[in-house]
Amino acid sequence: MQRTLVLLKPDCVQRRLMGKVIGRFEEKGLSIIAMKMIRVTPDLARQHYAEHVEKPFYPSLEEFITSAPIVALAVDGLEAVNVVREMLGATSGLKAAPGTIRGDYSSSRQMNLVHASDSEESAKRELELYFNESDYCDYEHVAASFLRAIDES
């Protein structure tokens, strides 16, 4: 089992697509074990996107991510990091395949609705920016035995 961070970005919130996106993760059999709506501050944006702060596109990224509330999710599941990223599709909604979240709902590179951690290491670091240990509500999904084999964990 893995845990990953998903952010429903300001465009997802403003376009009222939160329920549809969250539903896709739940339909896949992933578990949402923490969720909160927050306003990203410039300081949090700099911490989250630390590797991009010196890049020319960073100011517009910070302006966008701080422009409206976001919803942060902690998502658990088998190979959750890769599964979630595959579900999102290519970074640019223009290049994302139909059937992916970005392919179905986005037509922009920056306004691509959702962020997801790109590795287990990134997920650990990013989750710590948005959640405290007490925020997690681990639970056994009642349909778990119908979502994966007993030896898959």
N, C-alpha and C. Protein backbone atom coordinates (compact mmCIF):
# COMPACT_ATOMS: atom_id res chain seq x y z
N MET A 1 0.84 -1.19 0.00
CA MET A 1 0.00 0.00 0.00
C MET A 1 0.88 1.24 0.00
N GLN A 2 0.43 2.26 -0.68
CA GLN A 2 1.13 3.55 -0.71
C GLN A 2 0.16 4.66 -0.36
N ARG A 3 0.74 5.76 0.04
CA ARG A 3 -0.02 6.98 0.32
C ARG A 3 0.54 8.09 -0.55
N THR A 4 -0.34 8.89 -1.14
CA THR A 4 0.10 9.98 -1.98
C THR A 4 -0.73 11.23 -1.71
N LEU A 5 -0.19 12.37 -2.11
CA LEU A 5 -0.89 13.64 -1.99
C LEU A 5 -1.54 13.98 -3.32
N VAL A 6 -2.77 14.45 -3.25
CA VAL A 6 -3.48 14.99 -4.40
C VAL A 6 -3.98 16.36 -4.00
N LEU A 7 -3.76 17.35 -4.85
CA LEU A 7 -4.33 18.67 -4.65
C LEU A 7 -5.32 18.96 -5.76
N LEU A 8 -6.53 19.30 -5.38
CA LEU A 8 -7.50 19.80 -6.33
C LEU A 8 -7.26 21.30 -6.39
N LYS A 9 -6.70 21.74 -7.50
CA LYS A 9 -6.21 23.12 -7.63
C LYS A 9 -7.36 24.13 -7.74
N PRO A 10 -7.02 25.42 -7.70
CA PRO A 10 -8.06 26.45 -7.74
C PRO A 10 -9.03 26.31 -8.92
N ASP A 11 -8.54 25.91 -10.09
CA ASP A 11 -9.45 25.78 -11.23
C ASP A 11 -10.43 24.64 -11.03
N CYS A 12 -10.02 23.57 -10.38
CA CYS A 12 -10.91 22.45 -10.08
C CYS A 12 -12.00 22.90 -9.11
N VAL A 13 -11.60 23.64 -8.07
CA VAL A 13 -12.55 24.14 -7.08
C VAL A 13 -13.52 25.13 -7.73
N GLN A 14 -12.98 26.10 -8.46
CA GLN A 14 -13.81 27.14 -9.07
C GLN A 14 -14.77 26.58 -10.12
N ARG A 15 -14.34 25.56 -10.82
CA ARG A 15 -15.21 24.96 -11.85
C ARG A 15 -16.16 23.92 -11.27
N ARG A 16 -16.09 23.72 -9.96
CA ARG A 16 -16.98 22.80 -9.24
C ARG A 16 -16.87 21.36 -9.76
N LEU A 17 -15.62 20.95 -9.95
CA LEU A 17 -15.34 19.59 -10.41
C LEU A 17 -14.83 18.69 -9.28
N MET A 18 -14.80 19.21 -8.06
CA MET A 18 -14.24 18.45 -6.94
C MET A 18 -14.89 17.07 -6.79
N GLY A 19 -16.20 17.03 -6.78
CA GLY A 19 -16.91 15.77 -6.58
C GLY A 19 -16.62 14.76 -7.69
N LYS A 20 -16.57 15.25 -8.92
CA LYS A 20 -16.28 14.35 -10.04
C LYS A 20 -14.88 13.76 -9.93
N VAL A 21 -13.90 14.60 -9.56
CA VAL A 21 -12.52 14.12 -9.45
C VAL A 21 -12.38 13.16 -8.29
N ILE A 22 -12.92 13.53 -7.14
CA ILE A 22 -12.85 12.64 -5.97
C ILE A 22 -13.56 11.32 -6.29
N GLY A 23 -14.68 11.40 -6.96
CA GLY A 23 -15.42 10.19 -7.34
C GLY A 23 -14.60 9.25 -8.19
N ARG A 24 -13.78 9.80 -9.08
CA ARG A 24 -12.94 8.95 -9.93
C ARG A 24 -11.97 8.13 -9.07
N PHE A 25 -11.38 8.78 -8.06
CA PHE A 25 -10.45 8.06 -7.18
C PHE A 25 -11.19 6.98 -6.40
N GLU A 26 -12.36 7.31 -5.89
CA GLU A 26 -13.12 6.32 -5.12
C GLU A 26 -13.58 5.17 -6.01
N GLU A 27 -14.01 5.47 -7.22
CA GLU A 27 -14.45 4.42 -8.13
C GLU A 27 -13.31 3.47 -8.48
N LYS A 28 -12.09 3.98 -8.47
CA LYS A 28 -10.91 3.16 -8.75
C LYS A 28 -10.58 2.23 -7.59
N GLY A 29 -11.14 2.52 -6.41
CA GLY A 29 -10.87 1.69 -5.24
C GLY A 29 -9.84 2.29 -4.31
N LEU A 30 -9.42 3.53 -4.58
CA LEU A 30 -8.49 4.21 -3.69
C LEU A 30 -9.25 4.75 -2.49
N SER A 31 -8.55 4.89 -1.37
CA SER A 31 -9.17 5.39 -0.14
C SER A 31 -8.69 6.80 0.16
N ILE A 32 -9.61 7.68 0.43
CA ILE A 32 -9.26 9.03 0.86
C ILE A 32 -9.26 9.01 2.38
N ILE A 33 -8.06 9.20 2.94
CA ILE A 33 -7.93 9.07 4.39
C ILE A 33 -7.73 10.40 5.10
N ALA A 34 -7.61 11.48 4.34
CA ALA A 34 -7.59 12.83 4.89
C ALA A 34 -7.96 13.79 3.78
N MET A 35 -8.66 14.87 4.16
CA MET A 35 -9.07 15.85 3.17
C MET A 35 -9.31 17.17 3.88
N LYS A 36 -8.83 18.26 3.26
CA LYS A 36 -9.12 19.58 3.80
C LYS A 36 -9.06 20.62 2.70
N MET A 37 -9.92 21.63 2.86
CA MET A 37 -9.91 22.77 1.95
C MET A 37 -9.10 23.86 2.64
N ILE A 38 -8.13 24.40 1.93
CA ILE A 38 -7.30 25.46 2.48
C ILE A 38 -7.00 26.50 1.41
N ARG A 39 -6.47 27.59 1.84
CA ARG A 39 -5.95 28.61 0.93
C ARG A 39 -4.43 28.50 1.00
N VAL A 40 -3.76 28.19 -0.10
CA VAL A 40 -2.30 28.09 -0.14
C VAL A 40 -1.72 29.48 0.00
N THR A 41 -0.81 29.64 0.94
CA THR A 41 -0.12 30.91 1.13
C THR A 41 1.10 30.95 0.22
N PRO A 42 1.65 32.13 -0.02
CA PRO A 42 2.89 32.19 -0.80
C PRO A 42 4.01 31.36 -0.17
N ASP A 43 4.09 31.35 1.16
CA ASP A 43 5.13 30.57 1.84
C ASP A 43 4.94 29.07 1.59
N LEU A 44 3.71 28.59 1.72
CA LEU A 44 3.44 27.17 1.45
C LEU A 44 3.71 26.84 0.00
N ALA A 45 3.35 27.73 -0.91
CA ALA A 45 3.63 27.51 -2.33
C ALA A 45 5.13 27.37 -2.57
N ARG A 46 5.93 28.22 -1.95
CA ARG A 46 7.40 28.14 -2.12
C ARG A 46 7.95 26.84 -1.55
N GLN A 47 7.40 26.36 -0.45
CA GLN A 47 7.84 25.08 0.11
C GLN A 47 7.44 23.93 -0.81
N HIS A 48 6.20 23.95 -1.25
CA HIS A 48 5.70 22.86 -2.09
C HIS A 48 6.46 22.79 -3.42
N TYR A 49 6.64 23.93 -4.05
CA TYR A 49 7.26 23.99 -5.37
C TYR A 49 8.71 24.47 -5.28
N ALA A 50 9.42 24.07 -4.22
CA ALA A 50 10.78 24.56 -3.96
C ALA A 50 11.70 24.39 -5.17
N GLU A 51 11.59 23.31 -5.90
CA GLU A 51 12.48 23.05 -7.04
C GLU A 51 12.20 23.99 -8.21
N HIS A 52 11.07 24.71 -8.16
CA HIS A 52 10.70 25.60 -9.27
C HIS A 52 10.83 27.08 -8.95
N VAL A 53 11.12 27.43 -7.71
CA VAL A 53 11.09 28.83 -7.27
C VAL A 53 11.95 29.74 -8.13
N GLU A 54 13.09 29.27 -8.59
CA GLU A 54 14.00 30.11 -9.38
C GLU A 54 13.72 30.07 -10.88
N LYS A 55 12.74 29.30 -11.30
CA LYS A 55 12.44 29.17 -12.72
C LYS A 55 11.54 30.34 -13.18
N PRO A 56 11.64 30.71 -14.43
CA PRO A 56 10.90 31.88 -14.94
C PRO A 56 9.37 31.77 -14.78
N PHE A 57 8.83 30.55 -14.82
CA PHE A 57 7.38 30.39 -14.74
C PHE A 57 6.85 30.41 -13.32
N TYR A 58 7.75 30.40 -12.31
CA TYR A 58 7.28 30.27 -10.93
C TYR A 58 6.33 31.38 -10.49
N PRO A 59 6.60 32.65 -10.77
CA PRO A 59 5.67 33.68 -10.29
C PRO A 59 4.22 33.45 -10.73
N SER A 60 4.01 33.03 -11.97
CA SER A 60 2.63 32.78 -12.40
C SER A 60 2.06 31.53 -11.74
N LEU A 61 2.91 30.54 -11.46
CA LEU A 61 2.47 29.35 -10.74
C LEU A 61 2.01 29.72 -9.33
N GLU A 62 2.82 30.52 -8.63
CA GLU A 62 2.44 30.95 -7.28
C GLU A 62 1.15 31.77 -7.30
N GLU A 63 1.05 32.67 -8.26
CA GLU A 63 -0.16 33.50 -8.37
C GLU A 63 -1.39 32.62 -8.56
N PHE A 64 -1.26 31.60 -9.40
CA PHE A 64 -2.38 30.70 -9.67
C PHE A 64 -2.74 29.87 -8.44
N ILE A 65 -1.77 29.21 -7.82
CA ILE A 65 -2.07 28.28 -6.72
C ILE A 65 -2.58 29.00 -5.48
N THR A 66 -2.28 30.29 -5.35
CA THR A 66 -2.75 31.07 -4.20
C THR A 66 -4.02 31.87 -4.51
N SER A 67 -4.55 31.74 -5.72
CA SER A 67 -5.66 32.59 -6.18
C SER A 67 -7.03 32.22 -5.61
N ALA A 68 -7.19 31.00 -5.15
CA ALA A 68 -8.47 30.52 -4.63
C ALA A 68 -8.19 29.28 -3.78
N PRO A 69 -9.17 28.80 -3.03
CA PRO A 69 -8.94 27.61 -2.21
C PRO A 69 -8.57 26.39 -3.06
N ILE A 70 -7.90 25.47 -2.39
CA ILE A 70 -7.60 24.15 -2.96
C ILE A 70 -8.13 23.11 -1.99
N VAL A 71 -8.24 21.88 -2.45
CA VAL A 71 -8.59 20.77 -1.57
C VAL A 71 -7.41 19.80 -1.60
N ALA A 72 -6.85 19.54 -0.41
CA ALA A 72 -5.74 18.59 -0.28
C ALA A 72 -6.32 17.24 0.15
N LEU A 73 -5.85 16.18 -0.50
CA LEU A 73 -6.29 14.82 -0.20
C LEU A 73 -5.08 13.94 0.09
N ALA A 74 -5.20 13.10 1.07
CA ALA A 74 -4.25 12.01 1.27
C ALA A 74 -4.97 10.75 0.77
N VAL A 75 -4.36 10.09 -0.19
CA VAL A 75 -4.99 8.96 -0.88
C VAL A 75 -4.15 7.71 -0.69
N ASP A 76 -4.78 6.64 -0.26
CA ASP A 76 -4.12 5.35 -0.05
C ASP A 76 -4.59 4.34 -1.08
N GLY A 77 -3.69 3.43 -1.45
CA GLY A 77 -4.06 2.33 -2.33
C GLY A 77 -2.83 1.61 -2.84
N LEU A 78 -3.05 0.50 -3.48
CA LEU A 78 -1.96 -0.25 -4.08
C LEU A 78 -1.32 0.61 -5.17
N GLU A 79 -0.01 0.79 -5.09
CA GLU A 79 0.73 1.58 -6.07
C GLU A 79 0.06 2.94 -6.31
N ALA A 80 -0.41 3.57 -5.24
CA ALA A 80 -1.22 4.79 -5.33
C ALA A 80 -0.52 5.91 -6.09
N VAL A 81 0.78 6.07 -5.92
CA VAL A 81 1.49 7.17 -6.59
C VAL A 81 1.33 7.04 -8.10
N ASN A 82 1.65 5.90 -8.65
CA ASN A 82 1.56 5.71 -10.11
C ASN A 82 0.12 5.63 -10.60
N VAL A 83 -0.73 4.98 -9.83
CA VAL A 83 -2.13 4.85 -10.24
C VAL A 83 -2.77 6.23 -10.37
N VAL A 84 -2.57 7.08 -9.37
CA VAL A 84 -3.15 8.42 -9.41
C VAL A 84 -2.59 9.22 -10.58
N ARG A 85 -1.29 9.17 -10.78
CA ARG A 85 -0.69 9.93 -11.88
C ARG A 85 -1.21 9.46 -13.24
N GLU A 86 -1.38 8.17 -13.40
CA GLU A 86 -1.95 7.64 -14.65
C GLU A 86 -3.39 8.12 -14.83
N MET A 87 -4.13 8.18 -13.74
CA MET A 87 -5.51 8.65 -13.81
C MET A 87 -5.58 10.12 -14.21
N LEU A 88 -4.58 10.91 -13.80
CA LEU A 88 -4.57 12.33 -14.14
C LEU A 88 -4.29 12.55 -15.61
N GLY A 89 -3.38 11.79 -16.18
CA GLY A 89 -2.98 11.99 -17.57
C GLY A 89 -1.83 12.97 -17.67
N ALA A 90 -1.44 13.28 -18.90
CA ALA A 90 -0.32 14.19 -19.16
C ALA A 90 -0.55 15.53 -18.48
N THR A 91 0.54 16.22 -18.12
CA THR A 91 0.46 17.50 -17.43
C THR A 91 -0.41 18.49 -18.18
N SER A 92 -0.24 18.58 -19.48
CA SER A 92 -1.06 19.48 -20.29
C SER A 92 -2.37 18.81 -20.64
N GLY A 93 -3.46 19.46 -20.29
CA GLY A 93 -4.77 18.93 -20.65
C GLY A 93 -4.93 18.77 -22.15
N LEU A 94 -4.19 19.56 -22.94
CA LEU A 94 -4.25 19.45 -24.40
C LEU A 94 -3.63 18.15 -24.90
N LYS A 95 -2.71 17.58 -24.11
CA LYS A 95 -2.03 16.35 -24.51
C LYS A 95 -2.51 15.13 -23.74
N ALA A 96 -3.33 15.34 -22.74
CA ALA A 96 -3.80 14.23 -21.92
C ALA A 96 -4.83 13.40 -22.68
N ALA A 97 -4.73 12.10 -22.54
CA ALA A 97 -5.63 11.18 -23.25
C ALA A 97 -7.06 11.28 -22.73
N PRO A 98 -8.03 11.13 -23.63
CA PRO A 98 -9.42 11.03 -23.18
C PRO A 98 -9.55 9.89 -22.18
N GLY A 99 -10.39 10.08 -21.20
CA GLY A 99 -10.55 9.07 -20.16
C GLY A 99 -9.73 9.40 -18.92
N THR A 100 -8.70 10.23 -19.06
CA THR A 100 -7.97 10.70 -17.89
C THR A 100 -8.67 11.95 -17.37
N ILE A 101 -8.39 12.30 -16.12
CA ILE A 101 -9.03 13.47 -15.53
C ILE A 101 -8.70 14.73 -16.32
N ARG A 102 -7.42 14.93 -16.62
CA ARG A 102 -7.04 16.12 -17.39
C ARG A 102 -7.53 16.04 -18.83
N GLY A 103 -7.50 14.85 -19.40
CA GLY A 103 -7.98 14.69 -20.76
C GLY A 103 -9.46 14.98 -20.90
N ASP A 104 -10.22 14.69 -19.86
CA ASP A 104 -11.66 14.92 -19.91
C ASP A 104 -12.06 16.33 -19.52
N TYR A 105 -11.27 17.00 -18.65
CA TYR A 105 -11.74 18.26 -18.08
C TYR A 105 -10.80 19.45 -18.26
N SER A 106 -9.59 19.28 -18.80
CA SER A 106 -8.64 20.38 -18.88
C SER A 106 -8.20 20.64 -20.31
N SER A 107 -7.93 21.90 -20.60
CA SER A 107 -7.37 22.26 -21.91
C SER A 107 -6.23 23.26 -21.71
N SER A 108 -5.46 23.06 -20.64
CA SER A 108 -4.38 23.98 -20.30
C SER A 108 -3.24 23.21 -19.67
N ARG A 109 -2.01 23.76 -19.75
CA ARG A 109 -0.88 23.15 -19.06
C ARG A 109 -0.90 23.53 -17.58
N GLN A 110 -1.08 24.81 -17.29
CA GLN A 110 -1.04 25.26 -15.90
C GLN A 110 -2.37 24.99 -15.19
N MET A 111 -3.45 25.31 -15.82
CA MET A 111 -4.77 25.07 -15.23
C MET A 111 -5.19 23.65 -15.58
N ASN A 112 -4.50 22.72 -14.93
CA ASN A 112 -4.71 21.30 -15.24
C ASN A 112 -5.41 20.57 -14.11
N LEU A 113 -6.08 21.31 -13.26
CA LEU A 113 -7.02 20.83 -12.25
C LEU A 113 -6.42 20.16 -11.03
N VAL A 114 -5.41 19.32 -11.20
CA VAL A 114 -4.98 18.45 -10.12
C VAL A 114 -3.46 18.32 -10.08
N HIS A 115 -2.91 18.30 -8.85
CA HIS A 115 -1.51 17.96 -8.64
C HIS A 115 -1.48 16.62 -7.94
N ALA A 116 -0.50 15.79 -8.27
CA ALA A 116 -0.28 14.54 -7.54
C ALA A 116 1.22 14.33 -7.39
N SER A 117 1.62 13.80 -6.27
CA SER A 117 3.03 13.51 -6.01
C SER A 117 3.58 12.59 -7.09
N ASP A 118 4.86 12.81 -7.45
CA ASP A 118 5.45 12.03 -8.55
C ASP A 118 6.29 10.85 -8.09
N SER A 119 6.45 10.67 -6.78
CA SER A 119 7.22 9.54 -6.26
C SER A 119 6.83 9.34 -4.80
N GLU A 120 7.22 8.21 -4.24
CA GLU A 120 6.95 7.98 -2.82
C GLU A 120 7.67 9.01 -1.95
N GLU A 121 8.88 9.38 -2.35
CA GLU A 121 9.65 10.37 -1.59
C GLU A 121 8.95 11.73 -1.63
N SER A 122 8.52 12.14 -2.82
CA SER A 122 7.79 13.41 -2.94
C SER A 122 6.49 13.36 -2.15
N ALA A 123 5.81 12.24 -2.21
CA ALA A 123 4.54 12.11 -1.47
C ALA A 123 4.76 12.30 0.01
N LYS A 124 5.80 11.69 0.56
CA LYS A 124 6.08 11.83 1.99
C LYS A 124 6.33 13.29 2.34
N ARG A 125 7.19 13.95 1.55
CA ARG A 125 7.52 15.36 1.81
C ARG A 125 6.29 16.25 1.67
N GLU A 126 5.53 16.06 0.60
CA GLU A 126 4.38 16.91 0.32
C GLU A 126 3.25 16.68 1.32
N LEU A 127 3.01 15.43 1.69
CA LEU A 127 1.96 15.15 2.68
C LEU A 127 2.25 15.87 4.00
N GLU A 128 3.53 15.92 4.38
CA GLU A 128 3.90 16.61 5.63
C GLU A 128 3.64 18.11 5.56
N LEU A 129 3.60 18.69 4.37
CA LEU A 129 3.30 20.12 4.23
C LEU A 129 1.81 20.40 4.49
N TYR A 130 0.95 19.44 4.20
CA TYR A 130 -0.49 19.67 4.24
C TYR A 130 -1.21 18.98 5.40
N PHE A 131 -0.63 17.94 5.94
CA PHE A 131 -1.32 17.16 6.97
C PHE A 131 -0.42 16.86 8.17
N ASN A 132 -1.04 16.80 9.35
CA ASN A 132 -0.40 16.30 10.55
C ASN A 132 -0.81 14.84 10.71
N GLU A 133 -0.06 14.10 11.47
CA GLU A 133 -0.37 12.68 11.67
C GLU A 133 -1.81 12.50 12.20
N SER A 134 -2.27 13.43 13.02
CA SER A 134 -3.62 13.32 13.60
C SER A 134 -4.73 13.58 12.56
N ASP A 135 -4.39 14.07 11.39
CA ASP A 135 -5.39 14.31 10.34
C ASP A 135 -5.83 13.03 9.64
N TYR A 136 -5.01 11.99 9.69
CA TYR A 136 -5.30 10.78 8.95
C TYR A 136 -6.36 9.93 9.65
N CYS A 137 -7.30 9.45 8.87
CA CYS A 137 -8.37 8.57 9.35
C CYS A 137 -8.26 7.25 8.60
N ASP A 138 -7.30 6.44 9.00
CA ASP A 138 -7.13 5.13 8.36
C ASP A 138 -8.33 4.26 8.68
N TYR A 139 -8.75 3.51 7.68
CA TYR A 139 -9.87 2.59 7.88
C TYR A 139 -9.78 1.47 6.85
N GLU A 140 -10.40 0.37 7.14
CA GLU A 140 -10.45 -0.74 6.20
C GLU A 140 -11.71 -0.59 5.37
N HIS A 141 -11.54 -0.48 4.08
CA HIS A 141 -12.66 -0.34 3.15
C HIS A 141 -13.49 -1.62 3.21
N VAL A 142 -14.79 -1.51 3.41
CA VAL A 142 -15.62 -2.71 3.57
C VAL A 142 -15.64 -3.58 2.32
N ALA A 143 -15.37 -2.98 1.17
CA ALA A 143 -15.36 -3.76 -0.07
C ALA A 143 -13.94 -4.16 -0.49
N ALA A 144 -12.98 -4.02 0.42
CA ALA A 144 -11.57 -4.29 0.07
C ALA A 144 -11.38 -5.67 -0.54
N SER A 145 -12.08 -6.65 -0.03
CA SER A 145 -11.90 -8.02 -0.55
C SER A 145 -12.42 -8.16 -1.98
N PHE A 146 -13.20 -7.20 -2.43
CA PHE A 146 -13.70 -7.22 -3.80
C PHE A 146 -12.92 -6.29 -4.72
N LEU A 147 -11.96 -5.56 -4.14
CA LEU A 147 -11.15 -4.61 -4.91
C LEU A 147 -9.76 -5.15 -5.24
N ARG A 148 -9.27 -6.06 -4.41
CA ARG A 148 -7.93 -6.62 -4.63
C ARG A 148 -7.83 -7.99 -3.94
N ALA A 149 -6.94 -8.81 -4.46
CA ALA A 149 -6.73 -10.14 -3.89
C ALA A 149 -6.12 -10.04 -2.51
N ILE A 150 -6.34 -11.03 -1.70
CA ILE A 150 -5.86 -11.03 -0.31
C ILE A 150 -4.35 -10.87 -0.21
N ASP A 151 -3.61 -11.36 -1.23
CA ASP A 151 -2.15 -11.26 -1.17
C ASP A 151 -1.62 -9.95 -1.78
N GLU A 152 -2.50 -9.05 -2.18
CA GLU A 152 -2.08 -7.75 -2.70
C GLU A 152 -2.22 -6.71 -1.58
N SER A 153 -1.09 -6.29 -1.06
CA SER A 153 -1.15 -5.26 -0.01
C SER A 153 0.14 -4.50 0.06
